C-alpha atoms as a PDB file:
ATOM      1  CA  MET A   1      50.793  18.190  38.939  1.00  0.00           C
ATOM      2  CA  ASP A   2      52.613  21.311  37.849  1.00  0.00           C
ATOM      3  CA  ASN A   3      53.627  23.815  40.499  1.00  0.00           C
ATOM      4  CA  SER A   4      56.566  25.571  38.906  1.00  0.00           C
ATOM      5  CA  SER A   5      57.630  29.112  39.689  1.00  0.00           C
ATOM      6  CA  ILE A   6      56.103  31.741  37.413  1.00  0.00           C
ATOM      7  CA  THR A   7      58.360  34.769  37.134  1.00  0.00           C
ATOM      8  CA  SER A   8      57.203  36.225  33.822  1.00  0.00           C
ATOM      9  CA  VAL A   9      54.776  35.786  30.954  1.00  0.00           C
ATOM     10  CA  THR A  10      55.744  36.776  27.413  1.00  0.00           C
ATOM     11  CA  GLY A  11      53.626  36.919  24.279  1.00  0.00           C
ATOM     12  CA  THR A  12      51.369  39.021  22.128  1.00  0.00           C
ATOM     13  CA  MET A  13      48.140  40.461  23.492  1.00  0.00           C
ATOM     14  CA  ILE A  14      44.462  40.335  22.604  1.00  0.00           C
ATOM     15  CA  PRO A  15      42.340  43.386  23.521  1.00  0.00           C
ATOM     16  CA  LEU A  16      38.841  42.822  24.884  1.00  0.00           C
ATOM     17  CA  ARG A  17      37.077  46.113  25.508  1.00  0.00           C
ATOM     18  CA  GLY A  18      34.033  46.499  27.729  1.00  0.00           C
ATOM     19  CA  ASP A  19      33.419  46.631  31.471  1.00  0.00           C
ATOM     20  CA  ASP A  20      31.617  43.917  33.444  1.00  0.00           C
ATOM     21  CA  ILE A  21      32.279  41.014  31.079  1.00  0.00           C
ATOM     22  CA  ASP A  22      30.872  38.108  33.049  1.00  0.00           C
ATOM     23  CA  THR A  23      31.691  34.419  33.179  1.00  0.00           C
ATOM     24  CA  ASP A  24      28.572  33.473  31.207  1.00  0.00           C
ATOM     25  CA  ARG A  25      29.911  35.489  28.294  1.00  0.00           C
ATOM     26  CA  ILE A  26      33.376  33.979  28.669  1.00  0.00           C
ATOM     27  CA  ILE A  27      31.966  30.441  28.532  1.00  0.00           C
ATOM     28  CA  PRO A  28      28.195  29.949  28.055  1.00  0.00           C
ATOM     29  CA  ALA A  29      26.386  27.886  30.703  1.00  0.00           C
ATOM     30  CA  ARG A  30      25.609  25.003  28.335  1.00  0.00           C
ATOM     31  CA  TYR A  31      29.301  24.018  28.465  1.00  0.00           C
ATOM     32  CA  LEU A  32      29.344  23.575  32.246  1.00  0.00           C
ATOM     33  CA  ARG A  33      28.259  19.942  31.912  1.00  0.00           C
ATOM     34  CA  CYS A  34      31.639  18.864  30.550  1.00  0.00           C
ATOM     35  CA  VAL A  35      33.505  16.157  32.467  1.00  0.00           C
ATOM     36  CA  THR A  36      36.943  17.611  31.702  1.00  0.00           C
ATOM     37  CA  PHE A  37      38.022  21.077  30.585  1.00  0.00           C
ATOM     38  CA  ASP A  38      39.539  19.745  27.346  1.00  0.00           C
ATOM     39  CA  GLY A  39      38.084  21.450  24.300  1.00  0.00           C
ATOM     40  CA  LEU A  40      36.602  24.397  26.218  1.00  0.00           C
ATOM     41  CA  GLY A  41      38.944  26.842  24.503  1.00  0.00           C
ATOM     42  CA  GLU A  42      37.147  26.634  21.180  1.00  0.00           C
ATOM     43  CA  HIS A  43      33.934  27.758  22.897  1.00  0.00           C
ATOM     44  CA  ALA A  44      35.379  30.815  24.675  1.00  0.00           C
ATOM     45  CA  PHE A  45      33.090  33.798  23.968  1.00  0.00           C
ATOM     46  CA  GLU A  46      31.080  31.597  21.618  1.00  0.00           C
ATOM     47  CA  ASP A  47      27.836  33.586  21.813  1.00  0.00           C
ATOM     48  CA  ASP A  48      29.593  36.965  21.727  1.00  0.00           C
ATOM     49  CA  LYS A  49      31.553  35.877  18.647  1.00  0.00           C
ATOM     50  CA  ALA A  50      28.380  34.727  16.898  1.00  0.00           C
ATOM     51  CA  GLN A  51      26.686  38.069  17.572  1.00  0.00           C
ATOM     52  CA  ASP A  52      29.696  40.234  16.701  1.00  0.00           C
ATOM     53  CA  PRO A  53      31.876  39.359  13.688  1.00  0.00           C
ATOM     54  CA  GLY A  54      34.293  42.069  14.842  1.00  0.00           C
ATOM     55  CA  HIS A  55      34.824  40.461  18.253  1.00  0.00           C
ATOM     56  CA  ALA A  56      38.517  40.240  19.157  1.00  0.00           C
ATOM     57  CA  PHE A  57      38.318  36.443  19.491  1.00  0.00           C
ATOM     58  CA  ASN A  58      37.145  36.324  15.846  1.00  0.00           C
ATOM     59  CA  ASP A  59      40.109  38.398  14.679  1.00  0.00           C
ATOM     60  CA  ALA A  60      42.870  36.318  13.084  1.00  0.00           C
ATOM     61  CA  ARG A  61      45.447  38.974  14.011  1.00  0.00           C
ATOM     62  CA  TYR A  62      45.106  37.972  17.661  1.00  0.00           C
ATOM     63  CA  ARG A  63      44.805  34.198  17.244  1.00  0.00           C
ATOM     64  CA  GLN A  64      48.274  33.491  18.677  1.00  0.00           C
ATOM     65  CA  ALA A  65      47.925  35.895  21.611  1.00  0.00           C
ATOM     66  CA  SER A  66      48.679  34.588  25.090  1.00  0.00           C
ATOM     67  CA  ILE A  67      47.914  37.697  27.190  1.00  0.00           C
ATOM     68  CA  LEU A  68      44.402  39.131  27.455  1.00  0.00           C
ATOM     69  CA  ILE A  69      43.805  42.847  28.072  1.00  0.00           C
ATOM     70  CA  ALA A  70      40.477  43.405  29.816  1.00  0.00           C
ATOM     71  CA  ALA A  71      38.690  46.395  31.305  1.00  0.00           C
ATOM     72  CA  LYS A  72      36.827  46.837  34.608  1.00  0.00           C
ATOM     73  CA  ASN A  73      35.258  44.063  36.728  1.00  0.00           C
ATOM     74  CA  PHE A  74      36.350  41.291  34.376  1.00  0.00           C
ATOM     75  CA  GLY A  75      35.053  37.813  35.221  1.00  0.00           C
ATOM     76  CA  CYS A  76      32.075  38.956  37.288  1.00  0.00           C
ATOM     77  CA  GLY A  77      28.921  36.870  37.618  1.00  0.00           C
ATOM     78  CA  SER A  78      28.855  33.213  38.629  1.00  0.00           C
ATOM     79  CA  SER A  79      31.914  31.599  40.162  1.00  0.00           C
ATOM     80  CA  ARG A  80      32.396  28.954  37.471  1.00  0.00           C
ATOM     81  CA  GLU A  81      36.006  27.819  37.151  1.00  0.00           C
ATOM     82  CA  HIS A  82      35.218  26.949  33.543  1.00  0.00           C
ATOM     83  CA  ALA A  83      35.745  30.621  32.601  1.00  0.00           C
ATOM     84  CA  PRO A  84      39.497  30.837  33.307  1.00  0.00           C
ATOM     85  CA  GLN A  85      39.864  27.252  32.080  1.00  0.00           C
ATOM     86  CA  ALA A  86      38.276  28.186  28.732  1.00  0.00           C
ATOM     87  CA  LEU A  87      40.571  31.203  28.383  1.00  0.00           C
ATOM     88  CA  ASN A  88      43.622  29.121  29.239  1.00  0.00           C
ATOM     89  CA  LYS A  89      42.648  26.320  26.843  1.00  0.00           C
ATOM     90  CA  TRP A  90      42.244  28.983  24.145  1.00  0.00           C
ATOM     91  CA  GLY A  91      45.838  30.055  24.838  1.00  0.00           C
ATOM     92  CA  ILE A  92      45.666  32.790  27.475  1.00  0.00           C
ATOM     93  CA  ASN A  93      48.451  32.577  30.088  1.00  0.00           C
ATOM     94  CA  ALA A  94      47.914  35.936  31.824  1.00  0.00           C
ATOM     95  CA  VAL A  95      45.232  38.612  32.085  1.00  0.00           C
ATOM     96  CA  VAL A  96      45.787  42.356  32.466  1.00  0.00           C
ATOM     97  CA  GLY A  97      42.695  44.240  33.574  1.00  0.00           C
ATOM     98  CA  GLN A  98      41.474  47.360  35.319  1.00  0.00           C
ATOM     99  CA  SER A  99      39.797  45.221  37.998  1.00  0.00           C
ATOM    100  CA  PHE A 100      38.737  41.601  38.463  1.00  0.00           C
ATOM    101  CA  ALA A 101      35.889  39.788  40.154  1.00  0.00           C
ATOM    102  CA  GLU A 102      37.359  38.216  43.283  1.00  0.00           C
ATOM    103  CA  ILE A 103      36.423  34.590  42.553  1.00  0.00           C
ATOM    104  CA  PHE A 104      37.569  34.825  38.935  1.00  0.00           C
ATOM    105  CA  PHE A 105      40.921  36.164  40.165  1.00  0.00           C
ATOM    106  CA  ALA A 106      41.226  33.291  42.660  1.00  0.00           C
ATOM    107  CA  ASN A 107      40.335  30.682  40.027  1.00  0.00           C
ATOM    108  CA  CYS A 108      42.992  32.080  37.680  1.00  0.00           C
ATOM    109  CA  GLN A 109      45.555  32.128  40.472  1.00  0.00           C
ATOM    110  CA  ALA A 110      44.843  28.480  41.303  1.00  0.00           C
ATOM    111  CA  MET A 111      45.736  27.625  37.688  1.00  0.00           C
ATOM    112  CA  GLY A 112      48.917  29.705  37.590  1.00  0.00           C
ATOM    113  CA  VAL A 113      47.361  32.339  35.315  1.00  0.00           C
ATOM    114  CA  PRO A 114      48.490  35.720  36.716  1.00  0.00           C
ATOM    115  CA  CYS A 115      46.000  38.598  36.832  1.00  0.00           C
ATOM    116  CA  ILE A 116      47.665  42.019  36.808  1.00  0.00           C
ATOM    117  CA  THR A 117      45.666  45.131  37.634  1.00  0.00           C
ATOM    118  CA  VAL A 118      46.328  48.466  35.923  1.00  0.00           C
ATOM    119  CA  ASP A 119      44.578  51.824  36.223  1.00  0.00           C
ATOM    120  CA  ARG A 120      42.163  52.959  33.519  1.00  0.00           C
ATOM    121  CA  ASP A 121      44.638  55.274  31.767  1.00  0.00           C
ATOM    122  CA  SER A 122      47.231  52.488  31.567  1.00  0.00           C
ATOM    123  CA  GLY A 123      44.602  50.069  30.333  1.00  0.00           C
ATOM    124  CA  GLU A 124      43.612  52.477  27.578  1.00  0.00           C
ATOM    125  CA  ARG A 125      47.279  52.852  26.585  1.00  0.00           C
ATOM    126  CA  LEU A 126      47.590  49.078  26.288  1.00  0.00           C
ATOM    127  CA  PHE A 127      44.408  48.849  24.217  1.00  0.00           C
ATOM    128  CA  ALA A 128      45.689  51.548  21.862  1.00  0.00           C
ATOM    129  CA  ILE A 129      49.120  49.939  21.444  1.00  0.00           C
ATOM    130  CA  VAL A 130      47.787  46.462  20.722  1.00  0.00           C
ATOM    131  CA  GLU A 131      44.971  47.597  18.449  1.00  0.00           C
ATOM    132  CA  SER A 132      47.482  49.519  16.332  1.00  0.00           C
ATOM    133  CA  ASP A 133      50.131  46.765  16.413  1.00  0.00           C
ATOM    134  CA  PRO A 134      48.710  43.283  17.120  1.00  0.00           C
ATOM    135  CA  ALA A 135      52.196  41.753  16.715  1.00  0.00           C
ATOM    136  CA  ALA A 136      53.711  43.842  19.530  1.00  0.00           C
ATOM    137  CA  GLU A 137      55.319  41.517  22.053  1.00  0.00           C
ATOM    138  CA  CYS A 138      54.591  42.053  25.714  1.00  0.00           C
ATOM    139  CA  ARG A 139      56.506  40.865  28.768  1.00  0.00           C
ATOM    140  CA  ILE A 140      54.930  40.775  32.207  1.00  0.00           C
ATOM    141  CA  ASP A 141      57.385  40.686  35.104  1.00  0.00           C
ATOM    142  CA  ILE A 142      55.678  39.152  38.127  1.00  0.00           C
ATOM    143  CA  ALA A 143      58.063  40.467  40.795  1.00  0.00           C
ATOM    144  CA  SER A 144      57.546  44.101  39.772  1.00  0.00           C
ATOM    145  CA  ALA A 145      54.051  43.596  38.287  1.00  0.00           C
ATOM    146  CA  SER A 146      55.241  45.655  35.331  1.00  0.00           C
ATOM    147  CA  ILE A 147      54.157  45.268  31.720  1.00  0.00           C
ATOM    148  CA  GLY A 148      56.716  45.977  29.039  1.00  0.00           C
ATOM    149  CA  ILE A 149      55.496  46.472  25.496  1.00  0.00           C
ATOM    150  CA  GLY A 150      57.422  48.183  22.723  1.00  0.00           C
ATOM    151  CA  ASP A 151      59.456  50.956  24.310  1.00  0.00           C
ATOM    152  CA  GLN A 152      56.946  51.433  27.133  1.00  0.00           C
ATOM    153  CA  THR A 153      56.789  50.011  30.633  1.00  0.00           C
ATOM    154  CA  ILE A 154      53.447  50.160  32.381  1.00  0.00           C
ATOM    155  CA  ALA A 155      53.100  49.740  36.131  1.00  0.00           C
ATOM    156  CA  GLY A 156      50.613  47.213  37.432  1.00  0.00           C
ATOM    157  CA  THR A 157      49.797  45.559  40.731  1.00  0.00           C
ATOM    158  CA  ILE A 158      49.444  42.001  42.000  1.00  0.00           C
ATOM    159  CA  PRO A 159      48.399  41.329  45.627  1.00  0.00           C
ATOM    160  CA  ASP A 160      51.395  40.285  47.736  1.00  0.00           C
ATOM    161  CA  GLY A 161      50.059  36.814  48.553  1.00  0.00           C
ATOM    162  CA  ALA A 162      49.262  36.022  44.928  1.00  0.00           C
ATOM    163  CA  LYS A 163      52.617  37.360  43.787  1.00  0.00           C
ATOM    164  CA  ARG A 164      54.492  35.312  46.373  1.00  0.00           C
ATOM    165  CA  SER A 165      52.730  32.064  45.453  1.00  0.00           C
ATOM    166  CA  LEU A 166      53.495  32.591  41.756  1.00  0.00           C
ATOM    167  CA  LEU A 167      57.157  33.351  42.392  1.00  0.00           C
ATOM    168  CA  GLU A 168      57.579  30.528  44.919  1.00  0.00           C
ATOM    169  CA  GLY A 169      55.675  28.007  42.819  1.00  0.00           C
ATOM    170  CA  THR A 170      53.024  27.361  45.476  1.00  0.00           C
ATOM    171  CA  TRP A 171      50.011  28.554  43.464  1.00  0.00           C
ATOM    172  CA  ASN A 172      48.688  24.991  42.987  1.00  0.00           C
ATOM    173  CA  ALA A 173      47.378  24.103  46.456  1.00  0.00           C
ATOM    174  CA  THR A 174      46.691  20.474  45.498  1.00  0.00           C
ATOM    175  CA  ALA A 175      50.268  19.976  44.319  1.00  0.00           C
ATOM    176  CA  VAL A 176      51.580  21.540  47.519  1.00  0.00           C
ATOM    177  CA  LEU A 177      49.529  19.077  49.573  1.00  0.00           C
ATOM    178  CA  LEU A 178      50.668  16.086  47.513  1.00  0.00           C
ATOM    179  CA  GLU A 179      54.300  17.116  47.919  1.00  0.00           C
ATOM    180  CA  SER A 180      53.836  17.300  51.696  1.00  0.00           C
ATOM    181  CA  VAL A 181      52.188  13.932  52.411  1.00  0.00           C
ATOM    182  CA  LYS A 182      54.892  12.813  54.880  1.00  0.00           C
ATOM    183  CA  GLU A 183      54.684  16.063  56.831  1.00  0.00           C
ATOM    184  CA  ILE A 184      50.876  15.879  56.891  1.00  0.00           C
ATOM    185  CA  ASP A 185      50.984  12.278  58.157  1.00  0.00           C
ATOM    186  CA  ALA A 186      53.489  13.249  60.848  1.00  0.00           C
ATOM    187  CA  VAL A 187      51.293  16.085  62.109  1.00  0.00           C
ATOM    188  CA  ALA A 188      48.177  13.905  61.960  1.00  0.00           C
ATOM    189  CA  GLY A 189      49.999  11.271  64.021  1.00  0.00           C
ATOM    190  CA  ARG A 190      50.428  13.779  66.845  1.00  0.00           C
ATOM    191  CA  ILE A 191      46.748  14.713  67.031  1.00  0.00           C
ATOM    192  CA  PRO A 192      45.075  12.519  69.677  1.00  0.00           C
ATOM    193  CA  TYR A 193      41.527  12.585  68.343  1.00  0.00           C
ATOM    194  CA  LEU A 194      42.682  11.470  64.890  1.00  0.00           C
ATOM    195  CA  ASN A 195      44.545   8.524  66.392  1.00  0.00           C
ATOM    196  CA  ASN A 196      41.547   7.593  68.563  1.00  0.00           C
ATOM    197  CA  PHE A 197      39.254   7.772  65.549  1.00  0.00           C
ATOM    198  CA  ALA A 198      41.612   5.555  63.527  1.00  0.00           C
ATOM    199  CA  ALA A 199      41.665   2.973  66.330  1.00  0.00           C
END
């Protein structure tokens, strides 16, 4: 399992305007029955894309983007982990938004997909830059939570705990546990009720 340090994310951006975009719009409920997350990317925003030919995820100019710009309360609704998985399988490696639903943020973090928060004015600046120049390359620096694009640097925020786990490479809790099996066994061996139960 991967648990490498994430210090930056670089790539072009895809702008997705609109507050309160929920997880059912990101990946419709009919895809929650999948056994693995493989192939979910092609269904990201499937219903929105069908209803709106001008949807950003229909726009060929953004097809190679790896950073999503969102607005307020992105990822609200149900707690399905399929939503960040679908975005990541589509190609998204980081999300910049004005605010995030708490569980969506946590699900992204557990996958090593940083979520950076910016204020509304900064978010509007990013939308304007990317909509006028879809090829503009962006670099997110995790330590400073800053977003560099063109000749501009935009300040963002990442909670200290999330930032630390990305930089230290401890964002994948399962990988951390698997790497610490000997230490876990040693601690378990010193707990009387575990030893009595095993006997």
